[in-house]
Amino acid sequence: MDNSIEQRIKNKDLLKKVVTPETAVLGIRNGMTIGVHGATFCGSPKATVGALVERIKNESNIKVQIWSASLVGKEIDGALASCNGISRRLGSHADTTLRGLINNRQVACNDVRTEMLAQNVQRGVFGKLDLAIINATAIDEDGGIVPSISPADAAYLAQSAEKIIVEIDYTQPLDLVGFHDIYMLMPPPGLSPIPLKRAGDRIGRYSISIDINKIEYITESHIPQGLPSKRDIDETSRAIASSLMKFFRKEVASGRLGKQLQPLESGLGGIADAVLRELGQSEFEDIEIFTAVLGDSALDLVDSGKLKVASGCACFFTSEGWDKFFNNIERYRDKIILRPVEITNSPELVYRLGVIGLNGAVEVDLYGHVNSSHVMGSKLLAGVGGVGVFSANASISIFLLPSTSMGGKISGIVPMAPHVDVTEHNVDVVVTEQGYADLRGLAPHERANLIIERCAHPDYRPFLIDYYNEAEKTTGGHEPHLLKKAFSFHNRFNETGSMKPISK
């Protein structure tokens, strides 16, 4: 690892601004707005935020607003939430401690759409951004910031903030220089078309251009990534991936897809890993990924010789994946491109490239409405991330989920979603381990019957069939519903610990 600050900061004038994290956070005041970035454990400014957390613990009169499209995890969101240091959180999040405070209304939250947060910050929609804390690999001769492995919204935060603290992260290899493709958009109106026609095109710079006078301090971090270990893929996720492969093969056989497929949006977790592993062992070649967050499975696809290119705004590797990347970084240089989130989540590009959207869901109802963020309709689980833009603009919008969870106690297919993040208009295919339902062009009653038949777990099919038949008979209409009965389906879990009908 490179330990020389001179190797990391090429602009000599900026060397004068290097201070300890404790010094850098002394100017942070109660009520300030702060922008941060990263991907859970990877590429976030842990040392500087850690110093702020310690200051808040000692002084207890500081609360800040955190603006970030990134899932910055327990070392940022969790640490600040644990010391009651957050008053408002704008953007996606995934930390359990913060989630509890949001659900108890101790932290105000707006899960701003990922692709819109940067634009809204640029336009001053939420007010001024006082400070951006940027996790960086290096600073070049011109003062350009080479971000970490998870640039996400770093470029927009840095350009919009009144002041910047740059955290030089020595755990980020200097060989990351060249992986980034930083292309900035001006806010509307009058936007020019983004000159990217293929997932592998490079259209920007390797660093973030800023006014270096805005850099107030530079801190240093040697804090390890603290990454989780790789988990085995469970059988349900394998079965879901197998169902998806059947759909892909049907599309290829019909001539609607080629054997190269089209660029894939793929998230994180066991199902996403299972899908990409299945693709790596399949007949499909020259796979392209155009997504937000890249994980270990992207590296595995490179190793299998199947991946043509993977474009993302952040990397979330396990400890095994990080070691593989770090020790074989040149192998991945021509295959992985790291971009700002406004590019990876651009509606224009998702549509132009013909991206196939692969997203997860908490539950899907009979007509294809998707809940991807709330439990029992009211408790926030996580941010929606890029699901809105990818589902609305993808050439095929696919949602993958297990048909049941909690050991079969909860059905993933429900009569009526109590919270809707994606309407049926933006859902083309639903996939579970039971099979897939191609909903394109189908009327609501056709969708309902197909989802029950192909995607619902056998234990829940009788109830769902009974619900639909009764709703059709009682209320009729385009999308028949029995509101009281629909929500009793969810209430049953609270009362009995299972959604399964009580045996008579």
Protein backbone atom coordinates (compact mmCIF):
# COMPACT_ATOMS: atom_id res chain seq x y z
CA MET A 1 0.00 0.00 0.00
CA ASP A 2 1.24 3.52 -0.81
CA ASN A 3 1.89 5.39 2.45
CA SER A 4 3.33 8.66 1.18
CA ILE A 5 1.04 11.70 1.26
CA GLU A 6 3.14 13.17 -1.57
CA GLN A 7 2.23 10.18 -3.74
CA ARG A 8 -1.43 10.79 -3.05
CA ILE A 9 -1.56 14.59 -3.35
CA LYS A 10 0.18 15.85 -6.49
CA ASN A 11 -0.89 19.48 -6.01
CA LYS A 12 1.76 20.86 -3.68
CA ASP A 13 -0.31 23.82 -2.48
CA LEU A 14 -2.95 21.46 -1.14
CA LEU A 15 -0.42 19.67 1.07
CA LYS A 16 -0.70 22.67 3.39
CA LYS A 17 -4.33 21.79 4.08
CA VAL A 18 -3.65 18.34 5.55
CA VAL A 19 -4.92 18.17 9.14
CA THR A 20 -6.19 15.51 11.54
CA PRO A 21 -9.85 14.45 11.21
CA GLU A 22 -10.46 15.91 14.68
CA THR A 23 -9.28 19.33 13.50
CA ALA A 24 -11.24 19.14 10.27
CA VAL A 25 -14.61 18.65 12.01
CA LEU A 26 -14.22 21.50 14.50
CA GLY A 27 -16.00 23.86 12.11
CA ILE A 28 -19.10 21.69 11.80
CA ARG A 29 -22.01 23.37 13.55
CA ASN A 30 -25.48 22.32 14.62
CA GLY A 31 -27.96 22.30 11.73
CA MET A 32 -25.39 22.08 8.94
CA THR A 33 -26.10 20.08 5.79
CA ILE A 34 -23.43 17.53 4.87
CA GLY A 35 -23.07 15.43 1.74
CA VAL A 36 -21.30 12.06 1.90
CA HIS A 37 -20.96 9.09 -0.44
CA GLY A 38 -19.89 5.45 -0.53
CA ALA A 39 -21.40 1.96 -0.66
CA THR A 40 -22.01 0.52 2.82
CA PHE A 41 -18.51 -0.57 3.84
CA CYS A 42 -16.69 0.48 0.64
CA GLY A 43 -15.29 3.89 -0.19
CA SER A 44 -16.88 6.17 2.41
CA PRO A 45 -15.16 8.85 4.55
CA LYS A 46 -14.98 6.84 7.77
CA ALA A 47 -12.18 8.70 9.58
CA THR A 48 -13.65 12.18 9.20
CA VAL A 49 -17.20 11.12 10.05
CA GLY A 50 -15.82 9.06 12.93
CA ALA A 51 -14.18 12.20 14.34
CA LEU A 52 -17.49 14.05 13.99
CA VAL A 53 -19.28 11.27 15.86
CA GLU A 54 -16.80 11.54 18.76
CA ARG A 55 -17.27 15.30 18.85
CA ILE A 56 -21.06 14.92 18.97
CA LYS A 57 -20.73 12.37 21.80
CA ASN A 58 -18.68 14.87 23.81
CA GLU A 59 -20.74 17.98 23.07
CA SER A 60 -24.22 16.47 22.48
CA ASN A 61 -25.60 19.69 21.01
CA ILE A 62 -24.90 19.00 17.34
CA LYS A 63 -27.31 17.48 14.85
CA VAL A 64 -26.66 17.58 11.13
CA GLN A 65 -28.56 16.76 7.98
CA ILE A 66 -27.04 14.05 5.80
CA TRP A 67 -27.65 14.18 2.06
CA SER A 68 -26.53 11.15 0.11
CA ALA A 69 -27.79 8.92 -2.69
CA SER A 70 -25.41 6.27 -1.35
CA LEU A 71 -26.04 3.38 1.02
CA VAL A 72 -23.25 4.55 3.33
CA GLY A 73 -24.02 2.01 6.04
CA LYS A 74 -23.23 1.66 9.71
CA GLU A 75 -19.93 3.55 9.71
CA ILE A 76 -21.67 6.73 8.52
CA ASP A 77 -25.46 6.55 8.93
CA GLY A 78 -25.29 4.04 11.77
CA ALA A 79 -22.57 5.84 13.72
CA LEU A 80 -24.29 9.23 13.46
CA ALA A 81 -27.69 7.74 14.28
CA SER A 82 -26.28 5.97 17.35
CA CYS A 83 -25.17 9.28 18.87
CA ASN A 84 -28.39 11.07 17.83
CA GLY A 85 -26.38 13.22 15.44
CA ILE A 86 -28.79 13.18 12.48
CA SER A 87 -31.86 15.40 12.24
CA ARG A 88 -32.75 14.68 8.61
CA ARG A 89 -31.67 12.09 6.02
CA LEU A 90 -32.20 12.71 2.32
CA GLY A 91 -31.58 9.85 -0.13
CA SER A 92 -31.22 6.09 0.03
CA HIS A 93 -30.10 4.33 3.19
CA ALA A 94 -29.85 0.83 4.61
CA ASP A 95 -28.63 1.04 8.22
CA THR A 96 -30.76 -0.66 10.88
CA THR A 97 -30.11 1.93 13.62
CA LEU A 98 -31.05 4.80 11.35
CA ARG A 99 -34.06 2.86 10.12
CA GLY A 100 -35.36 2.55 13.69
CA LEU A 101 -35.05 6.30 14.27
CA ILE A 102 -36.82 7.06 10.99
CA ASN A 103 -39.69 4.70 11.79
CA ASN A 104 -40.00 6.28 15.24
CA ARG A 105 -39.95 9.75 13.61
CA GLN A 106 -36.81 10.77 15.46
CA VAL A 107 -35.12 11.43 12.12
CA ALA A 108 -36.98 13.11 9.27
CA CYS A 109 -36.46 11.24 6.02
CA ASN A 110 -37.22 11.66 2.34
CA ASP A 111 -36.01 8.80 0.19
CA VAL A 112 -35.22 11.07 -2.75
CA ARG A 113 -34.93 9.18 -6.02
CA THR A 114 -31.28 8.33 -6.57
CA GLU A 115 -30.97 9.95 -9.97
CA MET A 116 -32.73 13.12 -8.77
CA LEU A 117 -30.85 13.84 -5.55
CA ALA A 118 -27.78 15.25 -7.33
CA GLN A 119 -29.90 17.42 -9.61
CA ASN A 120 -31.95 18.74 -6.70
CA VAL A 121 -28.77 19.55 -4.77
CA GLN A 122 -27.36 21.38 -7.80
CA ARG A 123 -30.53 23.44 -8.16
CA GLY A 124 -30.75 24.26 -4.46
CA VAL A 125 -34.14 22.58 -4.07
CA PHE A 126 -33.32 21.53 -0.48
CA GLY A 127 -31.39 24.69 0.37
CA LYS A 128 -27.63 25.08 0.40
CA LEU A 129 -25.20 22.22 0.95
CA ASP A 130 -22.75 23.46 3.56
CA LEU A 131 -20.13 20.74 3.34
CA ALA A 132 -19.19 17.72 1.25
CA ILE A 133 -16.93 15.05 2.75
CA ILE A 134 -15.30 13.20 -0.14
CA ASN A 135 -13.48 9.88 0.19
CA ALA A 136 -10.60 10.04 -2.27
CA THR A 137 -7.84 7.87 -3.64
CA ALA A 138 -5.69 10.84 -4.68
CA ILE A 139 -5.63 14.47 -5.81
CA ASP A 140 -3.98 15.27 -9.14
CA GLU A 141 -1.72 18.19 -10.11
CA ASP A 142 -4.69 20.39 -11.04
CA GLY A 143 -6.51 19.68 -7.81
CA GLY A 144 -8.87 17.18 -9.39
CA ILE A 145 -10.16 14.61 -6.90
CA VAL A 146 -9.74 10.96 -7.83
CA PRO A 147 -12.60 9.40 -5.87
CA SER A 148 -12.71 6.07 -4.10
CA ILE A 149 -14.05 2.83 -5.51
CA SER A 150 -17.56 4.14 -4.77
CA PRO A 151 -17.83 7.60 -6.39
CA ALA A 152 -21.66 7.59 -6.49
CA ASP A 153 -22.73 11.22 -6.01
CA ALA A 154 -19.30 12.50 -4.90
CA ALA A 155 -18.81 14.71 -7.98
CA TYR A 156 -22.12 16.54 -7.59
CA LEU A 157 -21.74 16.96 -3.86
CA ALA A 158 -18.22 18.35 -4.30
CA GLN A 159 -19.29 20.81 -6.98
CA SER A 160 -22.40 21.96 -5.12
CA ALA A 161 -21.04 22.29 -1.57
CA GLU A 162 -19.77 25.56 -0.18
CA LYS A 163 -16.83 23.77 1.46
CA ILE A 164 -15.14 20.40 0.98
CA ILE A 165 -13.21 18.08 3.24
CA VAL A 166 -11.23 15.54 1.22
CA GLU A 167 -10.35 12.33 3.03
CA ILE A 168 -7.36 10.59 1.46
CA ASP A 169 -8.04 6.90 1.96
CA TYR A 170 -4.88 4.80 2.00
CA THR A 171 -6.88 1.58 1.75
CA GLN A 172 -7.85 2.60 -1.80
CA PRO A 173 -5.11 1.47 -4.22
CA LEU A 174 -3.48 4.18 -6.32
CA ASP A 175 -4.01 1.87 -9.27
CA LEU A 176 -7.67 2.97 -9.13
CA VAL A 177 -6.57 6.01 -11.14
CA GLY A 178 -8.08 5.44 -14.57
CA PHE A 179 -11.09 3.37 -13.49
CA HIS A 180 -13.36 6.42 -13.23
CA ASP A 181 -15.27 8.14 -16.00
CA ILE A 182 -16.51 11.39 -14.47
CA TYR A 183 -18.98 13.12 -16.78
CA MET A 184 -21.03 15.91 -15.25
CA LEU A 185 -24.52 17.06 -16.25
CA MET A 186 -25.79 20.58 -15.90
CA PRO A 187 -29.25 20.88 -14.35
CA PRO A 188 -32.18 21.38 -16.76
CA PRO A 189 -33.48 23.03 -18.80
CA GLY A 190 -31.39 22.84 -21.95
CA LEU A 191 -29.56 19.59 -21.18
CA SER A 192 -27.44 18.28 -24.03
CA PRO A 193 -27.73 14.58 -24.91
CA ILE A 194 -25.30 12.39 -22.97
CA PRO A 195 -22.77 11.17 -25.60
CA LEU A 196 -22.77 7.56 -24.42
CA LYS A 197 -24.04 4.99 -26.92
CA ARG A 198 -22.65 1.75 -25.45
CA ALA A 199 -22.15 0.60 -21.88
CA GLY A 200 -18.37 0.50 -22.39
CA ASP A 201 -17.97 4.04 -23.80
CA ARG A 202 -15.81 6.50 -21.87
CA ILE A 203 -16.93 10.10 -22.13
CA GLY A 204 -15.45 11.92 -19.11
CA ARG A 205 -12.40 12.48 -16.92
CA TYR A 206 -10.63 10.25 -14.42
CA SER A 207 -11.05 12.85 -11.66
CA ILE A 208 -13.59 15.36 -10.30
CA SER A 209 -12.87 18.93 -11.43
CA ILE A 210 -13.55 21.48 -8.70
CA ASP A 211 -12.58 24.92 -7.50
CA ILE A 212 -9.68 23.96 -5.23
CA ASN A 213 -10.32 27.02 -3.07
CA LYS A 214 -13.40 25.18 -1.75
CA ILE A 215 -11.18 22.49 -0.20
CA GLU A 216 -11.08 23.54 3.42
CA TYR A 217 -9.18 20.57 4.81
CA ILE A 218 -7.62 17.30 3.76
CA THR A 219 -7.62 14.40 6.20
CA GLU A 220 -6.03 10.95 6.05
CA SER A 221 -7.58 7.57 6.73
CA HIS A 222 -6.00 4.17 7.26
CA ILE A 223 -9.21 2.54 8.50
CA PRO A 224 -9.70 -0.90 6.89
CA GLN A 225 -12.80 -1.49 4.81
CA GLY A 226 -14.35 -3.86 7.40
CA LEU A 227 -16.04 -5.88 4.69
CA PRO A 228 -18.40 -8.81 5.28
CA SER A 229 -17.48 -12.34 4.29
CA LYS A 230 -18.91 -13.90 1.18
CA ARG A 231 -22.09 -15.92 1.74
CA ASP A 232 -23.14 -19.06 -0.04
CA ILE A 233 -26.02 -18.73 -2.46
CA ASP A 234 -29.14 -20.39 -1.06
CA GLU A 235 -31.32 -22.82 -2.98
CA THR A 236 -34.23 -20.39 -3.32
CA SER A 237 -32.00 -17.80 -4.99
CA ARG A 238 -30.65 -20.49 -7.33
CA ALA A 239 -34.19 -21.47 -8.26
CA ILE A 240 -35.14 -17.84 -8.91
CA ALA A 241 -32.10 -17.47 -11.17
CA SER A 242 -33.08 -20.66 -12.98
CA SER A 243 -36.60 -19.27 -13.57
CA LEU A 244 -35.07 -16.10 -15.02
CA MET A 245 -32.83 -18.11 -17.37
CA LYS A 246 -35.92 -19.86 -18.71
CA PHE A 247 -37.43 -16.47 -19.52
CA PHE A 248 -34.23 -15.29 -21.23
CA ARG A 249 -34.04 -18.46 -23.31
CA LYS A 250 -37.66 -18.04 -24.35
CA GLU A 251 -36.92 -14.49 -25.47
CA VAL A 252 -33.87 -15.60 -27.45
CA ALA A 253 -35.85 -18.40 -29.09
CA SER A 254 -38.53 -15.91 -30.11
CA GLY A 255 -35.94 -13.55 -31.59
CA ARG A 256 -36.72 -10.73 -29.17
CA LEU A 257 -33.28 -11.03 -27.53
CA GLY A 258 -29.92 -12.00 -28.93
CA LYS A 259 -27.50 -14.42 -27.28
CA GLN A 260 -25.54 -11.43 -26.00
CA LEU A 261 -28.74 -10.25 -24.31
CA GLN A 262 -28.77 -6.51 -23.61
CA PRO A 263 -27.04 -4.55 -20.83
CA LEU A 264 -28.24 -5.79 -17.46
CA GLU A 265 -29.06 -3.82 -14.36
CA SER A 266 -28.24 -6.04 -11.41
CA GLY A 267 -28.23 -5.20 -7.75
CA LEU A 268 -26.73 -6.82 -4.66
CA GLY A 269 -27.63 -9.83 -2.55
CA GLY A 270 -28.13 -13.53 -2.94
CA ILE A 271 -30.58 -13.39 -5.84
CA ALA A 272 -28.39 -11.01 -7.88
CA ASP A 273 -25.33 -13.16 -7.17
CA ALA A 274 -27.22 -16.27 -8.21
CA VAL A 275 -28.34 -14.65 -11.48
CA LEU A 276 -24.86 -13.53 -12.47
CA ARG A 277 -23.36 -16.88 -11.48
CA GLU A 278 -25.97 -18.64 -13.61
CA LEU A 279 -25.12 -16.33 -16.52
CA GLY A 280 -21.43 -17.13 -16.05
CA GLN A 281 -22.20 -20.82 -16.48
CA SER A 282 -24.66 -20.32 -19.35
CA GLU A 283 -24.43 -20.12 -23.13
CA PHE A 284 -24.68 -16.32 -23.04
CA GLU A 285 -21.53 -14.40 -24.04
CA ASP A 286 -20.18 -10.83 -23.95
CA ILE A 287 -22.44 -9.87 -21.06
CA GLU A 288 -22.70 -6.15 -20.33
CA ILE A 289 -23.75 -4.69 -16.99
CA PHE A 290 -25.10 -1.15 -16.71
CA THR A 291 -26.15 -0.71 -13.10
CA ALA A 292 -25.61 1.32 -9.94
CA VAL A 293 -23.70 -0.93 -7.51
CA LEU A 294 -21.29 -3.67 -8.54
CA GLY A 295 -20.51 -6.65 -6.32
CA ASP A 296 -18.33 -9.76 -6.25
CA SER A 297 -20.39 -11.38 -8.99
CA ALA A 298 -19.13 -8.83 -11.52
CA LEU A 299 -15.56 -9.90 -10.75
CA ASP A 300 -16.59 -13.54 -11.07
CA LEU A 301 -18.03 -12.82 -14.52
CA VAL A 302 -14.73 -11.26 -15.59
CA ASP A 303 -12.88 -14.35 -14.35
CA SER A 304 -15.26 -16.62 -16.28
CA GLY A 305 -14.52 -14.75 -19.50
CA LYS A 306 -18.20 -13.89 -19.92
CA LEU A 307 -18.15 -10.16 -19.06
CA LYS A 308 -17.58 -7.57 -21.75
CA VAL A 309 -17.93 -4.54 -19.46
CA ALA A 310 -19.51 -3.54 -16.15
CA SER A 311 -20.50 0.08 -15.53
CA GLY A 312 -21.52 1.25 -12.06
CA CYS A 313 -21.34 4.15 -9.61
CA ALA A 314 -20.08 2.14 -6.64
CA CYS A 315 -18.59 -1.18 -5.63
CA PHE A 316 -19.71 -3.23 -2.66
CA PHE A 317 -17.31 -6.13 -2.37
CA THR A 318 -17.04 -8.76 0.33
CA SER A 319 -13.64 -9.24 1.95
CA GLU A 320 -12.93 -12.03 -0.55
CA GLY A 321 -14.02 -9.84 -3.46
CA TRP A 322 -11.91 -6.91 -2.28
CA ASP A 323 -8.82 -9.11 -2.00
CA LYS A 324 -9.46 -10.49 -5.48
CA PHE A 325 -9.88 -6.99 -6.90
CA PHE A 326 -6.91 -5.51 -5.05
CA ASN A 327 -4.51 -8.33 -5.97
CA ASN A 328 -5.58 -8.55 -9.63
CA ILE A 329 -6.52 -4.96 -10.34
CA GLU A 330 -5.05 -4.85 -13.86
CA ARG A 331 -7.25 -7.78 -14.89
CA TYR A 332 -10.33 -5.67 -14.18
CA ARG A 333 -9.10 -2.30 -15.49
CA ASP A 334 -10.63 -2.64 -18.97
CA LYS A 335 -13.79 -4.31 -17.70
CA ILE A 336 -15.02 -2.02 -14.90
CA ILE A 337 -16.00 1.64 -15.28
CA LEU A 338 -16.96 3.81 -12.31
CA ARG A 339 -19.25 6.76 -13.05
CA PRO A 340 -21.34 9.42 -11.27
CA VAL A 341 -24.76 8.19 -10.19
CA GLU A 342 -26.53 10.62 -12.52
CA ILE A 343 -24.98 8.72 -15.44
CA THR A 344 -25.51 5.16 -14.16
CA ASN A 345 -29.11 6.02 -13.24
CA SER A 346 -29.89 8.24 -16.20
CA PRO A 347 -33.38 7.61 -17.70
CA GLU A 348 -31.96 8.66 -21.08
CA LEU A 349 -29.21 6.03 -20.98
CA VAL A 350 -31.29 3.23 -19.50
CA TYR A 351 -33.74 3.69 -22.39
CA ARG A 352 -31.12 4.22 -25.12
CA LEU A 353 -29.03 1.20 -24.16
CA GLY A 354 -32.06 -1.06 -23.87
CA VAL A 355 -31.15 -2.07 -20.33
CA ILE A 356 -32.88 -5.12 -18.88
CA GLY A 357 -33.88 -4.12 -15.36
CA LEU A 358 -33.43 -6.78 -12.68
CA ASN A 359 -34.77 -5.57 -9.34
CA GLY A 360 -35.80 -7.12 -6.06
CA ALA A 361 -39.07 -6.65 -4.19
CA VAL A 362 -40.51 -7.08 -0.73
CA GLU A 363 -43.82 -8.14 -2.24
CA VAL A 364 -45.81 -8.05 -5.48
CA ASP A 365 -49.59 -7.96 -5.63
CA LEU A 366 -51.95 -9.76 -7.99
CA TYR A 367 -51.85 -7.03 -10.63
CA GLY A 368 -48.10 -6.46 -10.55
CA HIS A 369 -47.78 -3.49 -8.19
CA VAL A 370 -44.43 -3.69 -6.37
CA ASN A 371 -43.48 -2.79 -2.81
CA SER A 372 -39.71 -2.66 -2.51
CA SER A 373 -39.17 -0.51 0.58
CA HIS A 374 -41.73 -1.04 3.39
CA VAL A 375 -42.75 -3.85 5.73
CA MET A 376 -46.46 -4.29 6.52
CA GLY A 377 -47.14 -1.10 4.59
CA SER A 378 -45.80 1.34 7.17
CA LYS A 379 -42.32 0.46 8.45
CA LEU A 380 -39.49 1.67 6.21
CA LEU A 381 -37.07 -1.14 5.37
CA ALA A 382 -34.61 0.54 3.01
CA GLY A 383 -34.32 3.16 0.33
CA VAL A 384 -35.70 2.43 -3.12
CA GLY A 385 -32.40 3.28 -4.83
CA GLY A 386 -32.63 3.16 -8.61
CA VAL A 387 -35.68 0.93 -8.88
CA GLY A 388 -37.88 3.75 -10.14
CA VAL A 389 -35.72 4.89 -13.02
CA PHE A 390 -34.71 1.40 -14.14
CA SER A 391 -38.23 -0.05 -14.00
CA ALA A 392 -39.73 2.92 -15.85
CA ASN A 393 -37.14 3.07 -18.63
CA ALA A 394 -35.84 -0.48 -19.04
CA SER A 395 -36.54 -2.40 -22.23
CA ILE A 396 -37.76 -5.23 -19.96
CA SER A 397 -38.56 -4.49 -16.33
CA ILE A 398 -38.16 -7.67 -14.25
CA PHE A 399 -38.76 -8.14 -10.53
CA LEU A 400 -37.28 -11.10 -8.68
CA LEU A 401 -38.31 -12.26 -5.20
CA PRO A 402 -38.89 -15.45 -3.21
CA SER A 403 -42.51 -16.58 -3.12
CA THR A 404 -42.32 -16.74 0.70
CA SER A 405 -40.08 -15.49 3.49
CA MET A 406 -39.55 -16.16 7.20
CA GLY A 407 -39.70 -19.90 6.71
CA GLY A 408 -42.90 -19.76 4.69
CA LYS A 409 -44.81 -17.56 7.15
CA ILE A 410 -45.04 -14.57 4.79
CA SER A 411 -46.15 -14.65 1.17
CA GLY A 412 -44.24 -12.59 -1.39
CA ILE A 413 -47.36 -12.52 -3.57
CA VAL A 414 -50.15 -10.59 -1.83
CA PRO A 415 -53.71 -9.57 -2.76
CA MET A 416 -52.94 -5.85 -2.64
CA ALA A 417 -49.60 -4.16 -1.90
CA PRO A 418 -50.10 -1.89 1.14
CA HIS A 419 -47.23 0.31 -0.09
CA VAL A 420 -46.42 0.77 -3.78
CA ASP A 421 -43.03 1.91 -5.09
CA VAL A 422 -43.54 0.69 -8.67
CA THR A 423 -46.96 0.50 -10.30
CA GLU A 424 -48.00 -2.30 -12.63
CA HIS A 425 -47.36 0.01 -15.59
CA ASN A 426 -43.62 -0.44 -15.06
CA VAL A 427 -43.56 -4.17 -14.30
CA ASP A 428 -43.11 -6.53 -17.24
CA VAL A 429 -42.07 -9.82 -15.64
CA VAL A 430 -42.33 -11.25 -12.12
CA VAL A 431 -39.97 -14.08 -11.18
CA THR A 432 -39.95 -16.33 -8.10
CA GLU A 433 -38.52 -19.78 -7.45
CA GLN A 434 -41.91 -21.13 -8.56
CA GLY A 435 -41.52 -19.74 -12.08
CA TYR A 436 -42.04 -16.53 -14.03
CA ALA A 437 -45.07 -14.53 -15.18
CA ASP A 438 -44.66 -12.50 -18.37
CA LEU A 439 -47.20 -9.73 -17.86
CA ARG A 440 -46.57 -7.72 -21.01
CA GLY A 441 -49.76 -6.79 -22.82
CA LEU A 442 -52.03 -8.58 -20.34
CA ALA A 443 -55.19 -7.14 -18.81
CA PRO A 444 -55.38 -7.03 -14.98
CA HIS A 445 -57.49 -10.19 -14.67
CA GLU A 446 -55.02 -12.03 -16.90
CA ARG A 447 -52.08 -10.78 -14.86
CA ALA A 448 -53.70 -11.87 -11.60
CA ASN A 449 -54.35 -15.40 -12.78
CA LEU A 450 -50.84 -15.77 -14.24
CA ILE A 451 -49.06 -14.40 -11.15
CA ILE A 452 -51.00 -16.78 -8.88
CA GLU A 453 -50.40 -19.76 -11.15
CA ARG A 454 -46.73 -19.15 -11.95
CA CYS A 455 -45.26 -17.19 -9.02
CA ALA A 456 -47.25 -17.73 -5.80
CA HIS A 457 -46.28 -20.46 -3.36
CA PRO A 458 -48.72 -23.43 -3.39
CA ASP A 459 -49.58 -22.81 0.28
CA TYR A 460 -51.00 -19.38 -0.60
CA ARG A 461 -52.56 -20.03 -3.98
CA PRO A 462 -55.99 -21.11 -2.63
CA PHE A 463 -56.36 -17.93 -0.56
CA LEU A 464 -55.23 -15.71 -3.45
CA ILE A 465 -57.60 -17.44 -5.88
CA ASP A 466 -60.46 -17.11 -3.39
CA TYR A 467 -59.64 -13.44 -2.83
CA TYR A 468 -59.56 -12.63 -6.54
CA ASN A 469 -62.77 -14.53 -7.33
CA GLU A 470 -64.62 -12.85 -4.49
CA ALA A 471 -63.30 -9.41 -5.45
CA GLU A 472 -64.30 -9.91 -9.07
CA LYS A 473 -67.78 -11.02 -8.04
CA THR A 474 -68.30 -8.39 -5.33
CA THR A 475 -66.76 -5.20 -6.70
CA GLY A 476 -65.80 -5.96 -10.30
CA GLY A 477 -64.08 -3.21 -12.24
CA HIS A 478 -60.74 -3.02 -13.97
CA GLU A 479 -58.69 -4.13 -10.94
CA PRO A 480 -61.13 -5.71 -8.46
CA HIS A 481 -60.23 -5.37 -4.76
CA LEU A 482 -61.76 -6.06 -1.38
CA LEU A 483 -59.92 -3.52 0.74
CA LYS A 484 -60.80 -4.94 4.15
CA LYS A 485 -59.93 -8.49 3.14
CA ALA A 486 -56.76 -7.38 1.34
CA PHE A 487 -55.33 -5.73 4.44
CA SER A 488 -56.49 -8.51 6.76
CA PHE A 489 -54.02 -10.65 4.81
CA HIS A 490 -51.21 -8.52 6.27
CA ASN A 491 -52.83 -8.12 9.67
CA ARG A 492 -52.94 -11.90 10.04
CA PHE A 493 -49.16 -11.95 10.42
CA ASN A 494 -49.34 -9.52 13.33
CA GLU A 495 -52.03 -11.61 15.02
CA THR A 496 -50.81 -15.15 14.37
CA GLY A 497 -47.18 -14.84 13.24
CA SER A 498 -48.06 -16.21 9.82
CA MET A 499 -49.99 -15.15 6.73
CA LYS A 500 -51.18 -18.72 6.20
CA PRO A 501 -54.92 -19.25 6.66
CA ILE A 502 -55.79 -20.61 10.09
CA SER A 503 -56.85 -24.24 9.85
CA LYS A 504 -60.52 -24.80 10.59
